Amino acid sequence: MLVHLSIRDIVLIERLDLTLGGGLSVLTGETGAGKSILLDALSLALGGRGDGSLVRHGARQGEVVAVFDVDGAHPARALLTENGFSDDGDVVLRRVQTADGRTRVFVNDRPSSVSLMRDLGAQLVEIHGQHDDRALVDPAAHRMVLDQYGALQPDAAAVAAGFSAWRRAEDELKIHRAKVSAAAREADYLRASVEELSDLAPLAGEEEELAERRQVMMRSEKVATDVSDAHEELSGRSSPVPALAALLKRLDRKRHEAPGLLDEAVERLGAALDGLGEAQMMLNAALRSLEFDPRALEETEERLFALRAAGRKYQVAVDDLPALAARMVGDLADLDAGEEKLSRLEAEVVEKRAAFDALALALSQKRMVAARLLEGAVMAELPDLKLERAEFIVEIASAPERASASGIDDVEFHVRTNPGTRAGPMMKVASGGELSRFLLALKVALADRGSAPTLVFDEIDTGVGGAVADAIGRRLGRLAGTVQVLSVTHAPQVAARADTHLLISKAEAEAGAGRVSTRVSEIGHDGRREEIARMLAGASVTDEARAAAARLIGAGGQ
């Protein structure tokens, strides 16, 4: 429930700190005292529309803080967790509104979005009034309200799951049908491409391997040519070795004729011949190691060029050719087995639709039963609210062709205010005062069926008095037994039943400042009697009015 409301510089409210308890709290005061301002401020903290005009004149910004004591199992806790916020302790919603129209939002002291604040606010507080569009007057919420009343949420969840399964099956069928259709249009191209790529049989990483092998072969070919030329110079017809060997023999024969003169030259020439012989052997060994089949280079180049040509043709990298081939094979398989898969998917769609239809029809029938029970519960409240000639109707229009995740039913609350008149949507047929009483009767019927923990009623007793106002007070008191109820009221019969009475008044903000400020104060027994006497008698409070007020308070407390 709402345990604390802090307001700073909002319209006429300069500074207000309000602590609230459970049960029924009423807010009363003279017209223009600021009751609506209080609700506007609360609405701002619940994610309502911000406006710079809400900021108090002369202030740069206004601020509203709403603190809620929320049960650990309340859906608001789950919503906080889903959005990454701590759900320990109280739930604190803070809204800062600047005079230039900007707004800042904080949830549990962390910056947040207005949408999250609005979602949390909707789960924590319901505001009901003659012109409120967030409560039961919204036809879009009527189906959910009916499901809450009939405890049909599990059935509705099963219908939503069935709808999703059916839609997923339809989407899968649609995708496969489009895929098969596209494959059929390219069937000849696909078959030719698959055949070509199958013959080519590309492998991942093959391009890099072939390119490296080609480079090695080309380098080897170039080196082999130079080695062969060197070997030819040393061992071929122009080799200097035979001439040097013959020269060495002649010089060796002449050495004895000139002792010591040719010895060193003969030794050096012999060493050179030995070195040339060794070089010949080394060149022979090198030629043997560099021997390769020229056809291997040619085959490597042909394979490499074929792969690169295929990559250009299919506009993919060479390394992506295997994946392309596999995808094309899969497309052909889809085409070849397409009709069989289509038949299976079509049967699955029919099966899922039939399952959804069965669930939706069962839910629709349960809604019909719940609708009659809700009508009876609301109708039972109407006589005391002086709507004994009125009729409340839960209109259900079932349309399987408009199936949705919510089922096949459109639900809207209709009323007939007088016998013989045409029934119609509650918002269009009921007058302001009648609408308020219909809403109150609905809330009483729904009190223990998933209501927000805090209900706010904004002058729902406008235009009624006497027994009707007393009936409204009794029903607000009943609601306050299960949830926290705040009621802005002009009816003394309602005020007399309050557990907490808050008086809203205007006073000069500062002596001689010429500015007024809205004040809210909790009043005790004597103050309550005086305020209720004022509500009964008007400006001049008489002893008779005080006595009547005392009787109302006594009756309200029984």
Protein backbone atom coordinates (compact mmCIF):
# COMPACT_ATOMS: atom_id res chain seq x y z
CA MET A 1 0.00 0.00 0.00
CA LEU A 2 0.98 3.68 -0.25
CA VAL A 3 2.72 4.50 3.04
CA HIS A 4 4.26 7.88 2.33
CA LEU A 5 3.71 10.71 -0.14
CA SER A 6 6.17 13.61 -0.32
CA ILE A 7 5.43 16.63 -2.56
CA ARG A 8 7.62 19.65 -3.22
CA ASP A 9 6.64 22.70 -5.28
CA ILE A 10 3.73 21.26 -7.23
CA VAL A 11 1.12 23.93 -8.12
CA LEU A 12 -0.12 25.23 -4.71
CA ILE A 13 1.73 22.63 -2.66
CA GLU A 14 5.02 24.06 -1.43
CA ARG A 15 6.03 21.30 0.95
CA LEU A 16 3.97 18.29 2.01
CA ASP A 17 4.90 15.04 3.75
CA LEU A 18 1.99 12.67 4.21
CA THR A 19 2.11 9.34 6.04
CA LEU A 20 -0.75 6.97 5.23
CA GLY A 21 -2.05 3.79 6.81
CA GLY A 22 -4.41 1.04 5.80
CA GLY A 23 -8.19 1.08 5.78
CA LEU A 24 -10.25 3.99 4.47
CA SER A 25 -8.63 7.42 4.34
CA VAL A 26 -10.80 10.34 3.24
CA LEU A 27 -9.62 13.72 2.01
CA THR A 28 -12.04 16.59 2.49
CA GLY A 29 -11.87 20.36 2.27
CA GLU A 30 -13.35 23.46 0.74
CA THR A 31 -13.70 23.62 -3.04
CA GLY A 32 -10.42 24.89 -4.47
CA ALA A 33 -8.39 23.87 -1.45
CA GLY A 34 -6.20 21.59 -3.57
CA LYS A 35 -7.70 18.09 -3.43
CA SER A 36 -7.29 17.60 -7.19
CA ILE A 37 -3.72 18.93 -6.96
CA LEU A 38 -2.90 16.16 -4.51
CA LEU A 39 -4.16 13.53 -6.96
CA ASP A 40 -2.35 15.21 -9.87
CA ALA A 41 0.87 14.96 -7.88
CA LEU A 42 0.25 11.29 -7.07
CA SER A 43 -0.52 10.62 -10.73
CA LEU A 44 2.82 12.21 -11.67
CA ALA A 45 4.65 9.73 -9.39
CA LEU A 46 2.72 6.87 -10.99
CA GLY A 47 4.00 7.71 -14.48
CA GLY A 48 1.31 10.16 -15.53
CA ARG A 49 1.96 12.83 -18.14
CA GLY A 50 4.36 15.52 -16.97
CA ASP A 51 3.86 19.21 -17.62
CA GLY A 52 5.93 22.26 -16.70
CA SER A 53 2.75 24.03 -15.59
CA LEU A 54 2.59 21.66 -12.59
CA VAL A 55 5.67 23.32 -11.08
CA ARG A 56 4.86 25.90 -8.41
CA HIS A 57 5.16 29.48 -9.65
CA GLY A 58 8.67 30.81 -9.00
CA ALA A 59 10.23 27.36 -8.49
CA ARG A 60 12.68 25.78 -10.93
CA GLN A 61 11.37 22.27 -10.40
CA GLY A 62 8.87 20.20 -8.46
CA GLU A 63 9.23 16.72 -7.04
CA VAL A 64 6.92 13.91 -5.92
CA VAL A 65 8.02 10.80 -4.02
CA ALA A 66 5.61 7.90 -3.44
CA VAL A 67 6.71 5.07 -1.13
CA PHE A 68 4.90 1.71 -1.20
CA ASP A 69 5.02 -1.18 1.22
CA VAL A 70 4.56 -4.10 -1.15
CA ASP A 71 4.10 -7.79 -0.43
CA GLY A 72 6.97 -10.00 -1.57
CA ALA A 73 4.73 -11.94 -3.98
CA HIS A 74 3.24 -8.86 -5.63
CA PRO A 75 3.74 -8.65 -9.44
CA ALA A 76 5.48 -5.28 -9.00
CA ARG A 77 8.41 -7.14 -7.41
CA ALA A 78 8.78 -9.38 -10.45
CA LEU A 79 8.60 -6.33 -12.74
CA LEU A 80 11.42 -4.68 -10.80
CA THR A 81 13.57 -7.82 -11.04
CA GLU A 82 12.94 -8.19 -14.77
CA ASN A 83 14.21 -4.64 -15.31
CA GLY A 84 17.32 -5.07 -13.18
CA PHE A 85 16.13 -3.16 -10.10
CA SER A 86 16.47 -4.25 -6.48
CA ASP A 87 13.17 -5.48 -5.05
CA ASP A 88 14.26 -5.39 -1.40
CA GLY A 89 12.39 -3.13 0.99
CA ASP A 90 9.89 -0.49 -0.03
CA VAL A 91 9.18 0.44 -3.64
CA VAL A 92 10.07 4.11 -4.09
CA LEU A 93 8.87 6.06 -7.13
CA ARG A 94 10.31 9.57 -7.52
CA ARG A 95 9.47 12.05 -10.28
CA VAL A 96 11.21 15.39 -10.83
CA GLN A 97 9.35 17.86 -13.05
CA THR A 98 11.18 20.99 -14.23
CA ALA A 99 9.47 24.25 -15.13
CA ASP A 100 10.76 24.00 -18.72
CA GLY A 101 8.83 20.73 -19.24
CA ARG A 102 11.63 18.23 -18.75
CA THR A 103 11.13 15.33 -16.38
CA ARG A 104 13.38 12.83 -14.59
CA VAL A 105 12.27 9.47 -13.24
CA PHE A 106 13.77 7.40 -10.42
CA VAL A 107 12.76 3.93 -9.22
CA ASN A 108 14.31 2.79 -5.94
CA ASP A 109 16.73 5.74 -6.22
CA ARG A 110 17.97 4.68 -9.66
CA PRO A 111 17.25 6.53 -12.94
CA SER A 112 14.47 4.83 -14.84
CA SER A 113 12.01 5.32 -17.69
CA VAL A 114 8.54 6.79 -17.55
CA SER A 115 7.17 3.61 -19.12
CA LEU A 116 8.52 1.42 -16.28
CA MET A 117 7.17 3.89 -13.71
CA ARG A 118 3.79 3.79 -15.45
CA ASP A 119 3.75 -0.02 -15.46
CA LEU A 120 4.66 -0.15 -11.77
CA GLY A 121 2.11 2.54 -10.96
CA ALA A 122 -0.65 0.62 -12.72
CA GLN A 123 0.08 -2.44 -10.56
CA LEU A 124 0.27 -0.48 -7.32
CA VAL A 125 -2.58 2.04 -7.58
CA GLU A 126 -5.94 2.27 -9.32
CA ILE A 127 -7.51 5.69 -9.62
CA HIS A 128 -11.27 5.79 -10.14
CA GLY A 129 -13.30 8.84 -10.91
CA GLN A 130 -15.99 10.17 -13.20
CA HIS A 131 -13.53 11.11 -15.90
CA ASP A 132 -10.65 8.75 -15.25
CA ASP A 133 -9.42 6.79 -18.27
CA ARG A 134 -7.03 4.49 -16.41
CA ALA A 135 -9.60 2.42 -14.56
CA LEU A 136 -12.53 0.18 -15.35
CA VAL A 137 -13.94 2.58 -17.93
CA ASP A 138 -11.38 1.37 -20.49
CA PRO A 139 -13.03 -1.35 -22.66
CA ALA A 140 -9.60 -2.77 -23.47
CA ALA A 141 -9.31 -3.87 -19.83
CA HIS A 142 -12.75 -5.46 -19.52
CA ARG A 143 -11.69 -8.90 -20.75
CA MET A 144 -8.85 -9.00 -18.22
CA VAL A 145 -11.23 -7.87 -15.45
CA LEU A 146 -13.67 -10.64 -16.34
CA ASP A 147 -10.86 -13.22 -16.33
CA GLN A 148 -9.74 -11.99 -12.91
CA TYR A 149 -13.26 -12.25 -11.54
CA GLY A 150 -13.71 -15.78 -12.88
CA ALA A 151 -10.17 -16.87 -11.83
CA LEU A 152 -9.58 -17.70 -15.50
CA GLN A 153 -5.98 -16.47 -15.73
CA PRO A 154 -4.54 -20.04 -16.09
CA ASP A 155 -7.03 -20.76 -18.89
CA ALA A 156 -6.16 -17.46 -20.56
CA ALA A 157 -2.43 -18.27 -20.29
CA ALA A 158 -3.04 -21.68 -21.93
CA VAL A 159 -4.95 -19.97 -24.74
CA ALA A 160 -2.12 -17.47 -25.24
CA ALA A 161 0.41 -20.34 -25.39
CA GLY A 162 -1.81 -22.22 -27.87
CA PHE A 163 -2.10 -19.11 -30.02
CA SER A 164 1.69 -18.67 -30.04
CA ALA A 165 2.23 -22.32 -31.02
CA TRP A 166 -0.29 -22.01 -33.84
CA ARG A 167 1.29 -18.77 -35.12
CA ARG A 168 4.79 -20.25 -34.95
CA ALA A 169 3.62 -23.22 -37.02
CA GLU A 170 2.06 -20.86 -39.55
CA ASP A 171 5.25 -18.80 -39.74
CA GLU A 172 7.34 -21.94 -40.28
CA LEU A 173 4.98 -23.06 -43.03
CA LYS A 174 5.11 -19.64 -44.67
CA ILE A 175 8.91 -19.57 -44.60
CA HIS A 176 9.24 -23.09 -45.97
CA ARG A 177 6.68 -22.46 -48.68
CA ALA A 178 8.56 -19.36 -49.81
CA LYS A 179 11.84 -21.26 -49.71
CA VAL A 180 10.51 -24.11 -51.81
CA SER A 181 8.92 -21.66 -54.25
CA ALA A 182 12.20 -19.78 -54.67
CA ALA A 183 14.12 -23.04 -55.07
CA ALA A 184 11.67 -24.24 -57.71
CA ARG A 185 12.24 -21.08 -59.75
CA GLU A 186 15.99 -21.75 -59.69
CA ALA A 187 15.85 -25.50 -59.95
CA ASP A 188 17.84 -25.83 -63.21
CA TYR A 189 20.46 -23.38 -62.03
CA LEU A 190 20.71 -25.16 -58.69
CA ARG A 191 21.11 -28.59 -60.22
CA ALA A 192 23.81 -27.38 -62.65
CA SER A 193 25.62 -25.56 -59.86
CA VAL A 194 25.47 -28.52 -57.50
CA GLU A 195 26.83 -30.79 -60.24
CA GLU A 196 29.65 -28.37 -61.03
CA LEU A 197 30.62 -27.89 -57.39
CA SER A 198 30.35 -31.61 -56.71
CA ASP A 199 32.78 -32.31 -59.54
CA LEU A 200 35.08 -29.57 -58.29
CA ALA A 201 34.78 -30.81 -54.67
CA PRO A 202 36.38 -27.74 -53.04
CA LEU A 203 37.91 -28.16 -49.61
CA ALA A 204 38.24 -25.60 -46.84
CA GLY A 205 41.74 -24.03 -46.88
CA GLU A 206 42.61 -25.61 -50.22
CA GLU A 207 43.34 -22.32 -52.00
CA GLU A 208 46.05 -21.30 -49.55
CA GLU A 209 47.66 -24.75 -49.67
CA LEU A 210 47.71 -24.83 -53.48
CA ALA A 211 49.07 -21.29 -53.74
CA GLU A 212 51.92 -22.12 -51.36
CA ARG A 213 52.73 -25.37 -53.21
CA ARG A 214 52.77 -23.47 -56.53
CA GLN A 215 55.18 -20.87 -55.15
CA VAL A 216 57.53 -23.60 -53.88
CA MET A 217 57.50 -25.36 -57.27
CA MET A 218 58.09 -22.11 -59.18
CA ARG A 219 61.04 -21.21 -56.92
CA SER A 220 62.45 -24.74 -57.32
CA GLU A 221 62.16 -24.50 -61.11
CA LYS A 222 64.10 -21.23 -61.19
CA VAL A 223 66.90 -22.56 -58.91
CA ALA A 224 67.14 -25.82 -60.91
CA THR A 225 67.80 -23.86 -64.09
CA ASP A 226 70.74 -22.00 -62.54
CA VAL A 227 72.21 -25.19 -61.03
CA SER A 228 71.93 -26.98 -64.37
CA ASP A 229 73.75 -24.13 -66.12
CA ALA A 230 76.54 -24.31 -63.55
CA HIS A 231 76.79 -28.08 -63.93
CA GLU A 232 76.99 -27.69 -67.70
CA GLU A 233 79.86 -25.20 -67.37
CA LEU A 234 81.82 -27.61 -65.19
CA SER A 235 80.94 -30.92 -66.81
CA GLY A 236 79.91 -30.11 -70.34
CA ARG A 237 81.93 -29.72 -73.56
CA SER A 238 83.23 -26.33 -72.47
CA SER A 239 84.37 -27.64 -69.11
CA PRO A 240 87.90 -26.35 -68.13
CA VAL A 241 88.65 -29.54 -66.21
CA PRO A 242 90.23 -31.61 -69.10
CA ALA A 243 92.47 -28.71 -70.20
CA LEU A 244 93.59 -28.02 -66.63
CA ALA A 245 94.27 -31.75 -66.07
CA ALA A 246 96.45 -31.92 -69.22
CA LEU A 247 98.32 -28.77 -68.16
CA LEU A 248 98.91 -30.25 -64.70
CA LYS A 249 100.48 -33.37 -66.28
CA ARG A 250 102.89 -31.38 -68.45
CA LEU A 251 103.99 -29.20 -65.55
CA ASP A 252 104.42 -32.21 -63.31
CA ARG A 253 106.74 -33.82 -65.91
CA LYS A 254 108.85 -30.68 -66.10
CA ARG A 255 109.30 -30.24 -62.33
CA HIS A 256 112.59 -32.26 -62.20
CA GLU A 257 114.12 -30.02 -64.84
CA ALA A 258 113.67 -26.98 -62.56
CA PRO A 259 113.73 -28.26 -59.01
CA GLY A 260 111.66 -26.16 -56.55
CA LEU A 261 110.44 -23.77 -59.20
CA LEU A 262 107.10 -25.41 -60.15
CA ASP A 263 106.29 -27.38 -57.00
CA GLU A 264 103.93 -24.80 -55.45
CA ALA A 265 102.15 -24.11 -58.78
CA VAL A 266 101.63 -27.83 -59.38
CA GLU A 267 100.21 -28.26 -55.84
CA ARG A 268 97.87 -25.30 -56.24
CA LEU A 269 96.68 -26.49 -59.64
CA GLY A 270 96.04 -29.98 -58.25
CA ALA A 271 94.01 -28.54 -55.38
CA ALA A 272 91.92 -26.52 -57.87
CA LEU A 273 91.19 -29.62 -59.90
CA ASP A 274 90.18 -31.47 -56.71
CA GLY A 275 87.83 -28.55 -55.79
CA LEU A 276 86.26 -28.53 -59.24
CA GLY A 277 85.68 -32.26 -58.96
CA GLU A 278 83.97 -31.81 -55.64
CA ALA A 279 81.85 -28.95 -57.05
CA GLN A 280 80.76 -31.24 -59.90
CA MET A 281 79.60 -33.88 -57.42
CA MET A 282 77.76 -31.29 -55.32
CA LEU A 283 76.00 -29.85 -58.39
CA ASN A 284 74.99 -33.37 -59.43
CA ALA A 285 73.48 -33.96 -55.97
CA ALA A 286 71.68 -30.60 -56.09
CA LEU A 287 70.19 -31.39 -59.51
CA ARG A 288 68.90 -34.71 -58.25
CA SER A 289 67.23 -33.08 -55.21
CA LEU A 290 65.60 -30.37 -57.38
CA GLU A 291 64.10 -32.83 -59.79
CA PHE A 292 60.20 -32.55 -59.93
CA ASP A 293 57.54 -33.44 -62.42
CA PRO A 294 56.60 -30.32 -64.44
CA ARG A 295 53.14 -31.84 -64.78
CA ALA A 296 52.68 -31.51 -61.01
CA LEU A 297 53.11 -27.72 -61.27
CA GLU A 298 50.75 -27.61 -64.21
CA GLU A 299 48.11 -29.65 -62.34
CA THR A 300 48.48 -27.49 -59.23
CA GLU A 301 48.00 -24.32 -61.28
CA GLU A 302 44.99 -25.77 -63.10
CA ARG A 303 43.33 -26.71 -59.78
CA LEU A 304 44.05 -23.31 -58.24
CA PHE A 305 42.76 -21.40 -61.23
CA ALA A 306 39.61 -23.58 -61.41
CA LEU A 307 38.81 -22.85 -57.75
CA ARG A 308 39.32 -19.12 -58.21
CA ALA A 309 37.19 -19.10 -61.33
CA ALA A 310 34.37 -20.82 -59.39
CA GLY A 311 34.68 -18.24 -56.61
CA ARG A 312 34.32 -15.42 -59.14
CA LYS A 313 31.39 -17.12 -60.81
CA TYR A 314 29.44 -17.62 -57.60
CA GLN A 315 30.66 -14.35 -56.08
CA VAL A 316 32.05 -15.90 -52.92
CA ALA A 317 35.52 -16.38 -51.47
CA VAL A 318 37.17 -19.65 -52.51
CA ASP A 319 37.12 -20.83 -48.87
CA ASP A 320 33.32 -20.32 -48.86
CA LEU A 321 32.74 -22.65 -51.83
CA PRO A 322 32.26 -25.78 -49.64
CA ALA A 323 29.59 -24.00 -47.56
CA LEU A 324 27.91 -22.74 -50.73
CA ALA A 325 27.88 -26.25 -52.15
CA ALA A 326 26.34 -27.63 -48.93
CA ARG A 327 23.70 -24.88 -48.94
CA MET A 328 22.80 -25.55 -52.55
CA VAL A 329 22.55 -29.27 -51.82
CA GLY A 330 20.21 -28.42 -48.92
CA ASP A 331 18.10 -26.18 -51.16
CA LEU A 332 17.82 -28.96 -53.68
CA ALA A 333 16.88 -31.38 -50.92
CA ASP A 334 14.19 -28.94 -49.78
CA LEU A 335 12.96 -28.74 -53.34
CA ASP A 336 12.99 -32.48 -53.86
CA ALA A 337 11.37 -33.21 -50.49
CA GLY A 338 9.41 -29.97 -50.45
CA GLU A 339 5.96 -31.34 -51.04
CA GLU A 340 6.34 -33.92 -48.31
CA LYS A 341 7.55 -31.31 -45.79
CA LEU A 342 4.85 -28.87 -46.87
CA SER A 343 2.22 -31.48 -46.25
CA ARG A 344 3.62 -32.17 -42.80
CA LEU A 345 3.75 -28.49 -41.91
CA GLU A 346 0.26 -27.90 -43.20
CA ALA A 347 -1.00 -30.75 -41.05
CA GLU A 348 0.84 -29.30 -38.06
CA VAL A 349 -0.81 -25.90 -38.60
CA VAL A 350 -4.23 -27.56 -38.74
CA GLU A 351 -3.43 -29.48 -35.56
CA LYS A 352 -2.18 -26.39 -33.69
CA ARG A 353 -5.19 -24.36 -34.84
CA ALA A 354 -7.57 -27.06 -33.69
CA ALA A 355 -5.86 -27.17 -30.28
CA PHE A 356 -6.10 -23.40 -29.96
CA ASP A 357 -9.75 -23.42 -31.07
CA ALA A 358 -10.59 -26.00 -28.42
CA LEU A 359 -8.83 -24.01 -25.68
CA ALA A 360 -10.34 -20.72 -26.85
CA LEU A 361 -13.86 -22.20 -27.04
CA ALA A 362 -13.54 -23.66 -23.54
CA LEU A 363 -12.32 -20.30 -22.22
CA SER A 364 -15.16 -18.52 -24.01
CA GLN A 365 -17.71 -20.78 -22.35
CA LYS A 366 -16.15 -20.18 -18.94
CA ARG A 367 -16.22 -16.45 -19.62
CA MET A 368 -19.93 -16.69 -20.35
CA VAL A 369 -20.47 -18.30 -16.94
CA ALA A 370 -18.23 -15.76 -15.20
CA ALA A 371 -20.05 -12.93 -17.00
CA ARG A 372 -23.42 -13.99 -15.60
CA LEU A 373 -21.92 -14.27 -12.10
CA LEU A 374 -20.27 -10.84 -12.37
CA GLU A 375 -23.53 -9.33 -13.62
CA GLY A 376 -25.30 -10.79 -10.58
CA ALA A 377 -22.66 -9.52 -8.16
CA VAL A 378 -22.79 -5.99 -9.58
CA MET A 379 -26.59 -5.97 -9.81
CA ALA A 380 -26.77 -6.89 -6.12
CA GLU A 381 -24.95 -3.64 -5.29
CA LEU A 382 -27.04 -1.35 -7.48
CA PRO A 383 -30.30 -0.98 -5.44
CA ASP A 384 -28.57 0.57 -2.43
CA LEU A 385 -26.78 2.92 -4.84
CA LYS A 386 -30.18 4.10 -6.14
CA LEU A 387 -29.63 2.30 -9.43
CA GLU A 388 -32.35 -0.28 -8.76
CA ARG A 389 -33.86 0.25 -12.20
CA ALA A 390 -30.51 -0.01 -13.94
CA GLU A 391 -28.97 -3.10 -15.45
CA PHE A 392 -25.32 -4.10 -15.75
CA ILE A 393 -24.47 -6.32 -18.72
CA VAL A 394 -21.22 -8.08 -19.65
CA GLU A 395 -21.36 -8.08 -23.44
CA ILE A 396 -19.31 -10.88 -25.01
CA ALA A 397 -18.91 -11.04 -28.77
CA SER A 398 -17.17 -14.23 -29.89
CA ALA A 399 -15.49 -14.04 -33.28
CA PRO A 400 -13.18 -16.96 -34.18
CA GLU A 401 -12.10 -15.11 -37.32
CA ARG A 402 -10.59 -12.40 -35.08
CA ALA A 403 -8.70 -14.83 -32.86
CA SER A 404 -5.84 -13.43 -30.83
CA ALA A 405 -3.62 -14.39 -27.92
CA SER A 406 -6.55 -13.40 -25.69
CA GLY A 407 -8.90 -15.90 -27.33
CA ILE A 408 -11.93 -15.29 -29.50
CA ASP A 409 -13.91 -12.96 -27.25
CA ASP A 410 -14.38 -9.21 -27.23
CA VAL A 411 -15.65 -8.18 -23.81
CA GLU A 412 -17.21 -4.83 -22.93
CA PHE A 413 -19.25 -3.68 -19.97
CA HIS A 414 -22.64 -2.30 -21.00
CA VAL A 415 -25.36 -0.71 -18.88
CA ARG A 416 -29.03 0.09 -19.23
CA THR A 417 -29.95 2.93 -16.87
CA ASN A 418 -33.72 2.72 -17.30
CA PRO A 419 -36.09 -0.07 -18.38
CA GLY A 420 -37.05 0.12 -22.02
CA THR A 421 -33.95 2.05 -23.06
CA ARG A 422 -31.19 0.68 -25.23
CA ALA A 423 -28.20 -0.79 -23.44
CA GLY A 424 -24.82 0.49 -24.47
CA PRO A 425 -21.18 0.93 -23.43
CA MET A 426 -20.89 2.09 -19.83
CA MET A 427 -18.88 5.22 -20.71
CA LYS A 428 -21.44 6.38 -23.30
CA VAL A 429 -24.73 5.55 -21.57
CA ALA A 430 -24.12 6.35 -17.90
CA SER A 431 -24.04 9.92 -16.64
CA GLY A 432 -21.12 11.08 -14.50
CA GLY A 433 -22.79 10.25 -11.20
CA GLU A 434 -24.17 6.95 -12.49
CA LEU A 435 -20.78 5.97 -13.90
CA SER A 436 -19.14 6.52 -10.53
CA ARG A 437 -21.66 4.27 -8.81
CA PHE A 438 -21.35 1.55 -11.47
CA LEU A 439 -17.55 1.67 -11.02
CA LEU A 440 -17.91 1.40 -7.26
CA ALA A 441 -20.27 -1.57 -7.58
CA LEU A 442 -17.72 -3.22 -9.90
CA LYS A 443 -14.85 -2.63 -7.52
CA VAL A 444 -16.85 -4.10 -4.64
CA ALA A 445 -17.56 -7.19 -6.74
CA LEU A 446 -13.88 -7.43 -7.70
CA ALA A 447 -12.45 -6.54 -4.29
CA ASP A 448 -10.82 -9.92 -3.68
CA ARG A 449 -10.08 -10.71 -7.34
CA GLY A 450 -6.68 -9.20 -8.09
CA SER A 451 -7.25 -5.54 -7.25
CA ALA A 452 -4.31 -3.16 -6.88
CA PRO A 453 -3.26 -2.76 -3.22
CA THR A 454 -4.27 0.92 -3.25
CA LEU A 455 -7.55 2.26 -4.64
CA VAL A 456 -8.16 5.98 -5.07
CA PHE A 457 -11.71 7.28 -5.58
CA ASP A 458 -11.92 10.85 -6.79
CA GLU A 459 -15.27 12.42 -5.84
CA ILE A 460 -17.32 9.43 -6.94
CA ASP A 461 -20.09 10.69 -4.67
CA THR A 462 -20.56 13.91 -6.66
CA GLY A 463 -24.22 14.67 -7.26
CA VAL A 464 -25.57 12.16 -4.73
CA GLY A 465 -26.55 12.48 -1.10
CA GLY A 466 -28.47 10.91 1.72
CA ALA A 467 -28.99 7.18 1.43
CA VAL A 468 -26.91 6.91 -1.79
CA ALA A 469 -23.94 8.65 -0.21
CA ASP A 470 -24.29 6.40 2.83
CA ALA A 471 -24.39 3.33 0.57
CA ILE A 472 -21.21 4.56 -1.15
CA GLY A 473 -19.56 5.02 2.24
CA ARG A 474 -20.49 1.53 3.36
CA ARG A 475 -19.05 0.02 0.19
CA LEU A 476 -15.85 1.99 0.46
CA GLY A 477 -15.61 0.70 4.01
CA ARG A 478 -16.03 -2.88 2.78
CA LEU A 479 -13.32 -2.39 0.18
CA ALA A 480 -11.03 -0.96 2.86
CA GLY A 481 -11.23 -4.30 4.64
CA THR A 482 -9.13 -5.90 1.88
CA VAL A 483 -7.16 -3.03 0.28
CA GLN A 484 -6.07 0.49 1.11
CA VAL A 485 -8.72 3.03 0.01
CA LEU A 486 -8.22 6.78 -0.44
CA SER A 487 -11.33 8.79 -1.22
CA VAL A 488 -11.63 12.46 -2.10
CA THR A 489 -15.19 13.23 -1.02
CA HIS A 490 -17.76 15.97 -0.48
CA ALA A 491 -20.21 13.56 1.21
CA PRO A 492 -20.35 13.66 5.03
CA GLN A 493 -21.78 10.12 4.99
CA VAL A 494 -18.57 8.90 3.35
CA ALA A 495 -16.27 11.00 5.54
CA ALA A 496 -17.95 9.65 8.70
CA ARG A 497 -16.78 6.11 7.86
CA ALA A 498 -13.10 6.98 7.54
CA ASP A 499 -10.36 5.30 9.51
CA THR A 500 -8.19 8.34 8.78
CA HIS A 501 -9.54 11.81 7.99
CA LEU A 502 -7.23 14.23 6.16
CA LEU A 503 -8.27 17.86 5.90
CA ILE A 504 -7.04 19.83 2.90
CA SER A 505 -6.89 23.60 3.30
CA LYS A 506 -5.22 26.68 1.88
CA ALA A 507 -3.18 29.13 3.90
CA GLU A 508 -0.77 31.97 3.23
CA ALA A 509 2.64 30.47 2.56
CA GLU A 510 4.53 33.17 4.45
CA ALA A 511 3.33 36.18 6.37
CA GLY A 512 2.92 39.07 3.94
CA ALA A 513 4.22 37.03 0.99
CA GLY A 514 0.90 37.16 -0.82
CA ARG A 515 1.20 33.48 -1.81
CA VAL A 516 -1.06 30.67 -0.71
CA SER A 517 -0.11 27.06 -0.10
CA THR A 518 -2.12 23.87 0.19
CA ARG A 519 -1.84 22.11 3.53
CA VAL A 520 -2.93 18.60 4.54
CA SER A 521 -3.42 17.64 8.17
CA GLU A 522 -4.84 14.58 9.89
CA ILE A 523 -7.69 15.55 12.20
CA GLY A 524 -8.90 13.79 15.34
CA HIS A 525 -12.39 13.22 16.72
CA ASP A 526 -13.27 16.84 17.47
CA GLY A 527 -11.80 18.07 14.22
CA ARG A 528 -13.70 15.39 12.30
CA ARG A 529 -16.98 16.40 13.93
CA GLU A 530 -16.37 20.03 13.00
CA GLU A 531 -15.40 19.22 9.41
CA ILE A 532 -18.34 16.87 8.84
CA ALA A 533 -20.64 19.50 10.40
CA ARG A 534 -19.26 21.99 7.85
CA MET A 535 -19.95 19.51 5.06
CA LEU A 536 -23.52 19.19 6.32
CA ALA A 537 -24.33 22.83 7.04
CA GLY A 538 -22.04 24.84 4.80
CA ALA A 539 -20.32 28.05 5.93
CA SER A 540 -22.35 28.52 9.14
CA VAL A 541 -21.82 25.52 11.40
CA THR A 542 -24.62 25.12 13.92
CA ASP A 543 -24.95 23.00 17.02
CA GLU A 544 -27.55 20.95 15.17
CA ALA A 545 -25.01 20.27 12.43
CA ARG A 546 -22.43 19.23 15.04
CA ALA A 547 -24.93 16.87 16.63
CA ALA A 548 -25.79 15.39 13.24
CA ALA A 549 -22.08 14.99 12.51
CA ALA A 550 -21.58 13.18 15.79
CA ARG A 551 -24.41 10.79 14.96
CA LEU A 552 -22.90 10.11 11.51
CA ILE A 553 -19.51 9.39 13.04
CA GLY A 554 -21.10 7.09 15.57
CA ALA A 555 -23.09 5.26 12.91
CA GLY A 556 -20.04 5.03 10.66
CA GLY A 557 -18.02 3.41 13.38
CA GLN A 558 -20.55 0.67 14.02
